[in-house]
Amino acid sequence: MLMITCTVTGNRELASLDAVRSIANHPDSIAVTVTCPACGQEHVHRTGRRLDEARRARAVEVAVRRAVELTSA
């Protein structure tokens, strides 16, 4: 079972392993194509340590920019 987020409805859905259509290994992540139980469309969900690190780094950059803007105002 996989917990996915439907990109159409925005709801978190529980999908069975039978719903997995393909898995692709990329240098920075793993892409899993899943048929959504809520809307029936196929969604691609990416996961992986490098992808998560890049997301965290971008979030930190945004937080620092906002903090600088608030302190300079």
C-alpha atoms as a PDB file:
ATOM      1  CA  MET A   1       0.000   0.000   0.000  1.00  0.00           C
ATOM      2  CA  LEU A   2       1.160   3.510  -0.819  1.00  0.00           C
ATOM      3  CA  MET A   3      -0.070   6.823   0.548  1.00  0.00           C
ATOM      4  CA  ILE A   4      -0.226   9.272  -2.365  1.00  0.00           C
ATOM      5  CA  THR A   5      -1.544  12.778  -2.819  1.00  0.00           C
ATOM      6  CA  CYS A   6      -4.024  13.146  -5.678  1.00  0.00           C
ATOM      7  CA  THR A   7      -2.938  16.103  -7.795  1.00  0.00           C
ATOM      8  CA  VAL A   8      -6.529  16.639  -8.969  1.00  0.00           C
ATOM      9  CA  THR A   9      -8.385  16.648  -5.640  1.00  0.00           C
ATOM     10  CA  GLY A  10      -5.456  17.387  -3.324  1.00  0.00           C
ATOM     11  CA  ASN A  11      -6.563  14.585  -0.989  1.00  0.00           C
ATOM     12  CA  ARG A  12      -4.280  11.917   0.391  1.00  0.00           C
ATOM     13  CA  GLU A  13      -5.308   8.505  -0.899  1.00  0.00           C
ATOM     14  CA  LEU A  14      -4.291   4.964  -0.054  1.00  0.00           C
ATOM     15  CA  ALA A  15      -3.327   3.096  -3.236  1.00  0.00           C
ATOM     16  CA  SER A  16      -2.662  -0.630  -3.491  1.00  0.00           C
ATOM     17  CA  LEU A  17       0.503  -2.028  -5.044  1.00  0.00           C
ATOM     18  CA  ASP A  18      -1.650  -3.173  -7.983  1.00  0.00           C
ATOM     19  CA  ALA A  19      -2.152   0.520  -8.804  1.00  0.00           C
ATOM     20  CA  VAL A  20       1.583   0.982  -9.481  1.00  0.00           C
ATOM     21  CA  ARG A  21       2.050   1.215 -13.251  1.00  0.00           C
ATOM     22  CA  SER A  22       5.787   1.839 -13.553  1.00  0.00           C
ATOM     23  CA  ILE A  23       8.883   2.675 -11.561  1.00  0.00           C
ATOM     24  CA  ALA A  24      11.779   4.639 -13.038  1.00  0.00           C
ATOM     25  CA  ASN A  25      15.129   5.102 -11.364  1.00  0.00           C
ATOM     26  CA  HIS A  26      16.589   8.573 -12.026  1.00  0.00           C
ATOM     27  CA  PRO A  27      19.985   9.843 -10.817  1.00  0.00           C
ATOM     28  CA  ASP A  28      18.377  12.077  -8.176  1.00  0.00           C
ATOM     29  CA  SER A  29      15.104  10.288  -7.421  1.00  0.00           C
ATOM     30  CA  ILE A  30      12.771   7.383  -8.057  1.00  0.00           C
ATOM     31  CA  ALA A  31       9.611   8.101 -10.046  1.00  0.00           C
ATOM     32  CA  VAL A  32       6.570   5.914  -9.351  1.00  0.00           C
ATOM     33  CA  THR A  33       3.558   6.118 -11.666  1.00  0.00           C
ATOM     34  CA  VAL A  34       0.369   5.212  -9.787  1.00  0.00           C
ATOM     35  CA  THR A  35      -3.270   5.017 -10.889  1.00  0.00           C
ATOM     36  CA  CYS A  36      -5.146   7.171  -8.397  1.00  0.00           C
ATOM     37  CA  PRO A  37      -8.070   5.457  -6.645  1.00  0.00           C
ATOM     38  CA  ALA A  38      -9.878   8.801  -6.260  1.00  0.00           C
ATOM     39  CA  CYS A  39      -9.859  10.213  -9.792  1.00  0.00           C
ATOM     40  CA  GLY A  40      -8.628   7.291 -11.913  1.00  0.00           C
ATOM     41  CA  GLN A  41      -5.821   9.288 -13.524  1.00  0.00           C
ATOM     42  CA  GLU A  42      -2.177   8.306 -13.437  1.00  0.00           C
ATOM     43  CA  HIS A  43       0.045  10.461 -11.233  1.00  0.00           C
ATOM     44  CA  VAL A  44       3.834  10.433 -11.043  1.00  0.00           C
ATOM     45  CA  HIS A  45       5.259  10.651  -7.536  1.00  0.00           C
ATOM     46  CA  ARG A  46       8.976  11.254  -7.094  1.00  0.00           C
ATOM     47  CA  THR A  47      10.919  10.333  -4.011  1.00  0.00           C
ATOM     48  CA  GLY A  48      14.512   9.990  -2.965  1.00  0.00           C
ATOM     49  CA  ARG A  49      17.141  11.337  -0.617  1.00  0.00           C
ATOM     50  CA  ARG A  50      18.678  13.788  -3.119  1.00  0.00           C
ATOM     51  CA  LEU A  51      15.273  15.098  -4.159  1.00  0.00           C
ATOM     52  CA  ASP A  52      14.288  15.617  -0.508  1.00  0.00           C
ATOM     53  CA  GLU A  53      17.591  17.385   0.210  1.00  0.00           C
ATOM     54  CA  ALA A  54      17.048  19.722  -2.751  1.00  0.00           C
ATOM     55  CA  ARG A  55      13.504  20.513  -1.565  1.00  0.00           C
ATOM     56  CA  ARG A  56      14.780  21.268   1.945  1.00  0.00           C
ATOM     57  CA  ALA A  57      17.557  23.487   0.583  1.00  0.00           C
ATOM     58  CA  ARG A  58      15.050  25.497  -1.483  1.00  0.00           C
ATOM     59  CA  ALA A  59      12.768  25.857   1.549  1.00  0.00           C
ATOM     60  CA  VAL A  60      15.676  27.146   3.652  1.00  0.00           C
ATOM     61  CA  GLU A  61      16.610  29.658   0.934  1.00  0.00           C
ATOM     62  CA  VAL A  62      13.043  30.966   0.829  1.00  0.00           C
ATOM     63  CA  ALA A  63      12.905  31.227   4.627  1.00  0.00           C
ATOM     64  CA  VAL A  64      16.201  33.149   4.712  1.00  0.00           C
ATOM     65  CA  ARG A  65      15.013  35.558   1.994  1.00  0.00           C
ATOM     66  CA  ARG A  66      11.777  36.200   3.894  1.00  0.00           C
ATOM     67  CA  ALA A  67      13.665  36.777   7.144  1.00  0.00           C
ATOM     68  CA  VAL A  68      16.005  39.246   5.434  1.00  0.00           C
ATOM     69  CA  GLU A  69      13.043  41.087   3.898  1.00  0.00           C
ATOM     70  CA  LEU A  70      11.308  41.315   7.289  1.00  0.00           C
ATOM     71  CA  THR A  71      14.393  42.597   9.109  1.00  0.00           C
ATOM     72  CA  SER A  72      15.246  45.146   6.412  1.00  0.00           C
ATOM     73  CA  ALA A  73      11.708  46.578   6.338  1.00  0.00           C
END
